[in-house]
């Protein structure tokens, strides 16, 4: 629909400019250096969200359909989909508080959903943390 550069390419260009041209100039100003590193990280997060958002919305919707025994279709509009997911998550919290997920197998399905949701959030916000966890897990497995 849009010509080039794409939004992802624009974000990458701004991030690269900050990293290559601006950050080296700011080493002596600790506050501005730190704030610029935060801005670069925000651009990385925005880029990952652009790339992963649609898939994560679909996957979370499907998991909630399974948990809530529903066949509802996800709204086509991203904002509507996010609002609907927030409402479904609110209802899930009410069901958890009411004890609907206290027994196996519903409890196991809930834990799988919560873990998958946390992993998806970390894939966008902090993928390095997931890499660290994977390394720690492999170290533990190797020691066994």
N, C-alpha and C. Protein backbone atom coordinates (compact mmCIF):
# COMPACT_ATOMS: atom_id res chain seq x y z
N UNK A 1 0.82 -1.19 0.00
CA UNK A 1 0.00 0.00 0.00
C UNK A 1 0.87 1.26 0.00
N UNK A 2 1.86 1.29 0.88
CA UNK A 2 2.74 2.46 0.96
C UNK A 2 4.01 2.19 0.18
N UNK A 3 4.62 3.26 -0.27
CA UNK A 3 5.90 3.12 -0.95
C UNK A 3 7.00 2.91 0.08
N UNK A 4 8.19 2.72 -0.43
CA UNK A 4 9.32 2.54 0.46
C UNK A 4 9.87 3.90 0.85
N UNK A 5 10.46 4.08 1.96
CA UNK A 5 10.78 3.03 2.94
C UNK A 5 9.56 2.65 3.78
N UNK A 6 9.56 1.40 4.22
CA UNK A 6 8.51 0.92 5.10
C UNK A 6 8.71 1.50 6.49
N UNK A 7 7.70 1.35 7.31
CA UNK A 7 7.82 1.84 8.69
C UNK A 7 8.98 1.15 9.41
N UNK A 8 9.14 -0.15 9.20
CA UNK A 8 10.26 -0.87 9.82
C UNK A 8 11.60 -0.32 9.34
N UNK A 9 11.69 -0.02 8.06
CA UNK A 9 12.94 0.52 7.52
C UNK A 9 13.23 1.91 8.09
N UNK A 10 12.18 2.71 8.27
CA UNK A 10 12.37 4.03 8.87
C UNK A 10 12.87 3.92 10.31
N UNK A 11 12.26 3.03 11.07
CA UNK A 11 12.70 2.82 12.45
C UNK A 11 14.15 2.37 12.49
N UNK A 12 14.50 1.44 11.62
CA UNK A 12 15.89 0.95 11.56
C UNK A 12 16.86 2.06 11.19
N UNK A 13 16.46 2.94 10.27
CA UNK A 13 17.33 4.03 9.86
C UNK A 13 17.57 5.01 11.00
N UNK A 14 16.52 5.35 11.73
CA UNK A 14 16.67 6.26 12.87
C UNK A 14 17.54 5.62 13.95
N UNK A 15 17.26 4.35 14.24
CA UNK A 15 18.05 3.63 15.24
C UNK A 15 19.52 3.58 14.85
N UNK A 16 19.80 3.23 13.60
CA UNK A 16 21.18 3.15 13.14
C UNK A 16 21.87 4.51 13.21
N UNK A 17 21.16 5.58 12.85
CA UNK A 17 21.74 6.93 12.94
C UNK A 17 22.11 7.26 14.38
N UNK A 18 21.19 6.97 15.30
CA UNK A 18 21.48 7.25 16.71
C UNK A 18 22.67 6.44 17.20
N UNK A 19 22.69 5.16 16.87
CA UNK A 19 23.78 4.29 17.34
C UNK A 19 25.13 4.66 16.73
N UNK A 20 25.14 4.93 15.45
CA UNK A 20 26.42 5.14 14.75
C UNK A 20 26.93 6.57 14.82
N UNK A 21 26.03 7.55 14.84
CA UNK A 21 26.45 8.94 14.74
C UNK A 21 26.25 9.77 16.00
N UNK A 22 25.23 9.48 16.76
CA UNK A 22 24.90 10.33 17.91
C UNK A 22 25.49 9.78 19.21
N UNK A 23 25.28 8.51 19.48
CA UNK A 23 25.75 7.94 20.75
C UNK A 23 27.26 8.13 20.95
N UNK A 24 28.09 7.92 19.93
CA UNK A 24 29.53 8.14 20.15
C UNK A 24 29.86 9.58 20.58
N UNK A 25 29.05 10.54 20.18
CA UNK A 25 29.29 11.94 20.54
C UNK A 25 28.84 12.26 21.96
N UNK A 26 28.04 11.39 22.56
CA UNK A 26 27.43 11.69 23.84
C UNK A 26 28.10 11.00 25.03
N UNK A 27 29.20 10.33 24.82
CA UNK A 27 29.84 9.55 25.89
C UNK A 27 30.14 10.41 27.12
N UNK A 28 30.46 11.68 26.93
CA UNK A 28 30.83 12.54 28.06
C UNK A 28 29.62 13.07 28.83
N UNK A 29 28.46 13.07 28.21
CA UNK A 29 27.23 13.55 28.87
C UNK A 29 26.42 12.33 29.28
N UNK A 30 26.67 11.85 30.51
CA UNK A 30 26.06 10.59 30.96
C UNK A 30 24.54 10.57 30.82
N UNK A 31 23.90 11.66 31.20
CA UNK A 31 22.44 11.70 31.16
C UNK A 31 21.92 11.60 29.73
N UNK A 32 22.46 12.40 28.84
CA UNK A 32 22.02 12.39 27.44
C UNK A 32 22.40 11.06 26.77
N UNK A 33 23.55 10.52 27.12
CA UNK A 33 23.97 9.22 26.60
C UNK A 33 22.96 8.14 27.00
N UNK A 34 22.61 8.11 28.27
CA UNK A 34 21.65 7.12 28.76
C UNK A 34 20.28 7.32 28.09
N UNK A 35 19.81 8.56 28.01
CA UNK A 35 18.51 8.82 27.39
C UNK A 35 18.49 8.40 25.92
N UNK A 36 19.59 8.56 25.24
CA UNK A 36 19.66 8.15 23.84
C UNK A 36 19.69 6.64 23.72
N UNK A 37 20.36 5.95 24.64
CA UNK A 37 20.32 4.48 24.65
C UNK A 37 18.89 3.99 24.88
N UNK A 38 18.16 4.67 25.76
CA UNK A 38 16.76 4.32 26.00
C UNK A 38 15.94 4.52 24.73
N UNK A 39 16.18 5.63 24.01
CA UNK A 39 15.47 5.89 22.77
C UNK A 39 15.76 4.81 21.72
N UNK A 40 17.01 4.38 21.63
CA UNK A 40 17.39 3.32 20.69
C UNK A 40 16.66 2.03 21.06
N UNK A 41 16.61 1.72 22.34
CA UNK A 41 15.91 0.52 22.78
C UNK A 41 14.42 0.62 22.46
N UNK A 42 13.83 1.80 22.64
CA UNK A 42 12.41 1.98 22.31
C UNK A 42 12.17 1.74 20.82
N UNK A 43 13.08 2.18 19.97
CA UNK A 43 12.95 1.93 18.54
C UNK A 43 13.04 0.44 18.23
N UNK A 44 13.92 -0.26 18.93
CA UNK A 44 14.02 -1.72 18.73
C UNK A 44 12.72 -2.41 19.14
N UNK A 45 12.18 -2.01 20.29
CA UNK A 45 10.92 -2.60 20.76
C UNK A 45 9.80 -2.33 19.75
N UNK A 46 9.72 -1.09 19.27
CA UNK A 46 8.68 -0.73 18.29
C UNK A 46 8.82 -1.58 17.02
N UNK A 47 10.03 -1.78 16.57
CA UNK A 47 10.25 -2.60 15.39
C UNK A 47 9.82 -4.04 15.60
N UNK A 48 10.16 -4.60 16.76
CA UNK A 48 9.76 -5.99 17.04
C UNK A 48 8.24 -6.09 17.17
N UNK A 49 7.62 -5.09 17.77
CA UNK A 49 6.16 -5.12 17.90
C UNK A 49 5.50 -5.06 16.52
N UNK A 50 6.02 -4.23 15.64
CA UNK A 50 5.48 -4.17 14.28
C UNK A 50 5.56 -5.54 13.60
N UNK A 51 6.67 -6.21 13.81
CA UNK A 51 6.89 -7.50 13.16
C UNK A 51 6.03 -8.61 13.75
N UNK A 52 5.87 -8.60 15.07
CA UNK A 52 5.25 -9.74 15.76
C UNK A 52 3.81 -9.53 16.18
N UNK A 53 3.32 -8.30 16.13
CA UNK A 53 2.02 -7.97 16.69
C UNK A 53 0.88 -8.84 16.16
N UNK A 54 0.75 -8.94 14.86
CA UNK A 54 -0.38 -9.67 14.28
C UNK A 54 -0.37 -11.14 14.71
N UNK A 55 0.78 -11.77 14.66
CA UNK A 55 0.88 -13.18 15.05
C UNK A 55 0.56 -13.36 16.53
N UNK A 56 1.10 -12.49 17.38
CA UNK A 56 0.84 -12.61 18.81
C UNK A 56 -0.63 -12.39 19.14
N UNK A 57 -1.28 -11.43 18.48
CA UNK A 57 -2.72 -11.22 18.70
C UNK A 57 -3.50 -12.47 18.34
N UNK A 58 -3.19 -13.04 17.17
CA UNK A 58 -3.88 -14.26 16.72
C UNK A 58 -3.67 -15.42 17.68
N UNK A 59 -2.42 -15.60 18.10
CA UNK A 59 -2.10 -16.73 18.98
C UNK A 59 -2.78 -16.59 20.34
N UNK A 60 -2.74 -15.38 20.90
CA UNK A 60 -3.39 -15.19 22.20
C UNK A 60 -4.90 -15.39 22.08
N UNK A 61 -5.48 -14.91 21.00
CA UNK A 61 -6.91 -15.09 20.78
C UNK A 61 -7.26 -16.58 20.72
N UNK A 62 -6.46 -17.34 19.99
CA UNK A 62 -6.71 -18.78 19.87
C UNK A 62 -6.59 -19.48 21.23
N UNK A 63 -5.58 -19.08 22.02
CA UNK A 63 -5.44 -19.69 23.35
C UNK A 63 -6.64 -19.36 24.23
N UNK A 64 -7.10 -18.11 24.17
CA UNK A 64 -8.27 -17.74 24.96
C UNK A 64 -9.53 -18.45 24.46
N UNK A 65 -9.65 -18.66 23.16
CA UNK A 65 -10.77 -19.44 22.66
C UNK A 65 -10.77 -20.83 23.28
N UNK A 66 -9.58 -21.44 23.35
CA UNK A 66 -9.48 -22.77 23.94
C UNK A 66 -9.83 -22.73 25.43
N UNK A 67 -9.24 -21.80 26.16
CA UNK A 67 -9.48 -21.71 27.60
C UNK A 67 -10.94 -21.40 27.92
N UNK A 68 -11.53 -20.53 27.15
CA UNK A 68 -12.88 -20.07 27.44
C UNK A 68 -13.94 -20.81 26.62
N UNK A 69 -13.51 -21.91 26.00
CA UNK A 69 -14.42 -22.76 25.23
C UNK A 69 -15.27 -21.92 24.27
N UNK A 70 -14.57 -21.18 23.42
CA UNK A 70 -15.22 -20.24 22.51
C UNK A 70 -14.71 -20.47 21.09
N UNK A 71 -15.49 -20.03 20.13
CA UNK A 71 -15.08 -20.08 18.73
C UNK A 71 -15.15 -18.69 18.12
N UNK A 72 -15.10 -17.66 18.95
CA UNK A 72 -15.19 -16.28 18.47
C UNK A 72 -14.04 -15.96 17.52
N UNK A 73 -14.33 -15.18 16.51
CA UNK A 73 -13.30 -14.72 15.57
C UNK A 73 -12.70 -13.42 16.09
N UNK A 74 -11.42 -13.27 15.87
CA UNK A 74 -10.73 -12.06 16.29
C UNK A 74 -11.16 -10.91 15.37
N UNK A 75 -11.40 -9.72 15.93
CA UNK A 75 -11.73 -8.58 15.08
C UNK A 75 -10.59 -8.28 14.10
N UNK A 76 -10.93 -7.83 12.92
CA UNK A 76 -9.93 -7.56 11.89
C UNK A 76 -9.09 -6.33 12.22
N UNK A 77 -9.67 -5.35 12.86
CA UNK A 77 -8.96 -4.13 13.22
C UNK A 77 -8.09 -4.38 14.45
N UNK A 78 -6.80 -3.99 14.38
CA UNK A 78 -5.87 -4.24 15.48
C UNK A 78 -6.32 -3.60 16.79
N UNK A 79 -6.81 -2.37 16.74
CA UNK A 79 -7.26 -1.69 17.97
C UNK A 79 -8.46 -2.41 18.57
N UNK A 80 -9.39 -2.82 17.72
CA UNK A 80 -10.55 -3.57 18.21
C UNK A 80 -10.12 -4.92 18.77
N UNK A 81 -9.16 -5.56 18.11
CA UNK A 81 -8.66 -6.85 18.59
C UNK A 81 -8.01 -6.69 19.96
N UNK A 82 -7.21 -5.64 20.13
CA UNK A 82 -6.57 -5.41 21.44
C UNK A 82 -7.61 -5.15 22.53
N UNK A 83 -8.62 -4.35 22.20
CA UNK A 83 -9.68 -4.06 23.18
C UNK A 83 -10.44 -5.33 23.54
N UNK A 84 -10.74 -6.15 22.54
CA UNK A 84 -11.45 -7.40 22.80
C UNK A 84 -10.59 -8.35 23.63
N UNK A 85 -9.28 -8.40 23.34
CA UNK A 85 -8.38 -9.25 24.13
C UNK A 85 -8.31 -8.76 25.58
N UNK A 86 -8.28 -7.46 25.77
CA UNK A 86 -8.25 -6.92 27.13
C UNK A 86 -9.51 -7.32 27.89
N UNK A 87 -10.65 -7.27 27.22
CA UNK A 87 -11.91 -7.67 27.86
C UNK A 87 -11.91 -9.17 28.17
N UNK A 88 -11.42 -9.97 27.24
CA UNK A 88 -11.37 -11.41 27.48
C UNK A 88 -10.39 -11.74 28.61
N UNK A 89 -9.29 -11.02 28.69
CA UNK A 89 -8.33 -11.23 29.77
C UNK A 89 -8.93 -10.83 31.11
N UNK A 90 -9.71 -9.75 31.11
CA UNK A 90 -10.39 -9.33 32.34
C UNK A 90 -11.35 -10.42 32.81
N UNK A 91 -12.10 -10.99 31.86
CA UNK A 91 -13.01 -12.09 32.22
C UNK A 91 -12.24 -13.31 32.70
N UNK A 92 -11.09 -13.58 32.09
CA UNK A 92 -10.25 -14.69 32.53
C UNK A 92 -9.82 -14.48 33.98
N UNK A 93 -9.42 -13.27 34.31
CA UNK A 93 -9.03 -12.97 35.70
C UNK A 93 -10.18 -13.21 36.66
N UNK A 94 -11.38 -12.82 36.27
CA UNK A 94 -12.56 -13.06 37.11
C UNK A 94 -12.78 -14.56 37.30
N UNK A 95 -12.63 -15.32 36.21
CA UNK A 95 -12.80 -16.77 36.29
C UNK A 95 -11.73 -17.42 37.18
N UNK A 96 -10.51 -16.92 37.09
CA UNK A 96 -9.44 -17.43 37.95
C UNK A 96 -9.77 -17.16 39.40
N UNK A 97 -10.20 -15.93 39.70
CA UNK A 97 -10.56 -15.56 41.07
C UNK A 97 -11.73 -16.38 41.59
N UNK A 98 -12.61 -16.78 40.69
CA UNK A 98 -13.77 -17.58 41.09
C UNK A 98 -13.44 -19.06 41.24
N UNK A 99 -12.20 -19.43 40.93
CA UNK A 99 -11.78 -20.82 41.10
C UNK A 99 -12.02 -21.71 39.90
N UNK A 100 -12.35 -21.14 38.75
CA UNK A 100 -12.65 -21.94 37.57
C UNK A 100 -11.45 -22.70 37.01
N UNK A 101 -10.26 -22.30 37.42
CA UNK A 101 -9.04 -22.95 36.89
C UNK A 101 -8.22 -23.61 38.00
N UNK A 102 -8.88 -23.97 39.08
CA UNK A 102 -8.17 -24.56 40.21
C UNK A 102 -7.82 -26.04 40.00
N UNK A 103 -8.53 -26.71 39.12
CA UNK A 103 -8.34 -28.15 38.96
C UNK A 103 -7.71 -28.47 37.61
N UNK A 104 -6.95 -29.58 37.62
CA UNK A 104 -6.39 -30.11 36.39
C UNK A 104 -7.55 -30.62 35.55
N UNK A 105 -7.60 -30.52 34.25
CA UNK A 105 -6.61 -30.04 33.30
C UNK A 105 -6.72 -28.54 32.99
N UNK A 106 -7.76 -27.89 33.51
CA UNK A 106 -7.92 -26.45 33.20
C UNK A 106 -6.76 -25.63 33.76
N UNK A 107 -6.26 -26.05 34.93
CA UNK A 107 -5.14 -25.33 35.53
C UNK A 107 -3.90 -25.42 34.64
N UNK A 108 -3.62 -26.60 34.10
CA UNK A 108 -2.47 -26.79 33.22
C UNK A 108 -2.63 -25.96 31.95
N UNK A 109 -3.83 -25.93 31.40
CA UNK A 109 -4.08 -25.13 30.19
C UNK A 109 -3.89 -23.65 30.48
N UNK A 110 -4.33 -23.21 31.64
CA UNK A 110 -4.14 -21.81 32.04
C UNK A 110 -2.66 -21.48 32.15
N UNK A 111 -1.88 -22.36 32.80
CA UNK A 111 -0.45 -22.11 32.94
C UNK A 111 0.24 -22.06 31.58
N UNK A 112 -0.16 -22.93 30.65
CA UNK A 112 0.41 -22.89 29.30
C UNK A 112 0.11 -21.56 28.62
N UNK A 113 -1.12 -21.09 28.78
CA UNK A 113 -1.50 -19.79 28.20
C UNK A 113 -0.69 -18.65 28.82
N UNK A 114 -0.57 -18.65 30.13
CA UNK A 114 0.16 -17.57 30.80
C UNK A 114 1.64 -17.58 30.42
N UNK A 115 2.23 -18.76 30.34
CA UNK A 115 3.63 -18.86 29.93
C UNK A 115 3.81 -18.37 28.49
N UNK A 116 2.96 -18.81 27.59
CA UNK A 116 3.06 -18.39 26.19
C UNK A 116 2.88 -16.87 26.06
N UNK A 117 1.96 -16.32 26.82
CA UNK A 117 1.73 -14.87 26.78
C UNK A 117 2.95 -14.12 27.30
N UNK A 118 3.53 -14.60 28.38
CA UNK A 118 4.73 -13.95 28.92
C UNK A 118 5.89 -14.03 27.94
N UNK A 119 6.06 -15.18 27.29
CA UNK A 119 7.13 -15.34 26.31
C UNK A 119 6.92 -14.38 25.14
N UNK A 120 5.69 -14.27 24.66
CA UNK A 120 5.40 -13.34 23.55
C UNK A 120 5.71 -11.90 23.95
N UNK A 121 5.36 -11.53 25.16
CA UNK A 121 5.65 -10.17 25.62
C UNK A 121 7.16 -9.94 25.69
N UNK A 122 7.89 -10.93 26.17
CA UNK A 122 9.34 -10.80 26.26
C UNK A 122 10.00 -10.82 24.87
N UNK A 123 9.43 -11.53 23.92
CA UNK A 123 9.98 -11.52 22.57
C UNK A 123 10.00 -10.10 22.01
N UNK A 124 9.04 -9.29 22.42
CA UNK A 124 8.98 -7.90 21.97
C UNK A 124 9.80 -7.00 22.89
N UNK A 125 9.56 -7.09 24.17
CA UNK A 125 10.15 -6.13 25.12
C UNK A 125 11.61 -6.42 25.46
N UNK A 126 11.98 -7.71 25.56
CA UNK A 126 13.33 -8.03 26.02
C UNK A 126 13.73 -9.44 25.58
N UNK A 127 13.99 -9.64 24.29
CA UNK A 127 14.34 -10.98 23.82
C UNK A 127 15.65 -11.51 24.40
N UNK A 128 16.53 -10.62 24.82
CA UNK A 128 17.80 -11.08 25.43
C UNK A 128 17.52 -11.85 26.73
N UNK A 129 16.52 -11.43 27.46
CA UNK A 129 16.18 -12.13 28.69
C UNK A 129 15.79 -13.58 28.38
N UNK A 130 15.03 -13.78 27.30
CA UNK A 130 14.67 -15.15 26.91
C UNK A 130 15.90 -15.96 26.53
N UNK A 131 16.88 -15.32 25.88
CA UNK A 131 18.12 -16.00 25.53
C UNK A 131 18.88 -16.41 26.79
N UNK A 132 18.90 -15.53 27.78
CA UNK A 132 19.58 -15.84 29.04
C UNK A 132 18.91 -17.02 29.72
N UNK A 133 17.58 -17.02 29.75
CA UNK A 133 16.85 -18.14 30.35
C UNK A 133 17.15 -19.45 29.62
N UNK A 134 17.20 -19.39 28.31
CA UNK A 134 17.50 -20.60 27.52
C UNK A 134 18.89 -21.11 27.83
N UNK A 135 19.86 -20.20 27.96
CA UNK A 135 21.22 -20.62 28.31
C UNK A 135 21.26 -21.25 29.70
N UNK A 136 20.56 -20.64 30.65
CA UNK A 136 20.52 -21.20 32.00
C UNK A 136 19.88 -22.58 32.00
N UNK A 137 18.81 -22.75 31.23
CA UNK A 137 18.16 -24.05 31.14
C UNK A 137 19.10 -25.09 30.54
N UNK A 138 19.82 -24.72 29.49
CA UNK A 138 20.72 -25.69 28.86
C UNK A 138 21.88 -26.03 29.80
N UNK A 139 22.34 -25.06 30.57
CA UNK A 139 23.40 -25.33 31.57
C UNK A 139 22.91 -26.33 32.62
N UNK A 140 21.68 -26.12 33.08
CA UNK A 140 21.11 -27.04 34.08
C UNK A 140 20.97 -28.44 33.53
N UNK A 141 20.52 -28.53 32.27
CA UNK A 141 20.35 -29.85 31.63
C UNK A 141 21.69 -30.54 31.44
N UNK A 142 22.71 -29.76 31.11
CA UNK A 142 24.04 -30.34 30.90
C UNK A 142 24.61 -30.88 32.20
N UNK A 143 24.32 -30.23 33.31
CA UNK A 143 24.87 -30.67 34.61
C UNK A 143 24.19 -31.92 35.13
N UNK A 144 23.04 -32.24 34.60
CA UNK A 144 22.30 -33.42 35.10
C UNK A 144 22.92 -34.68 34.66
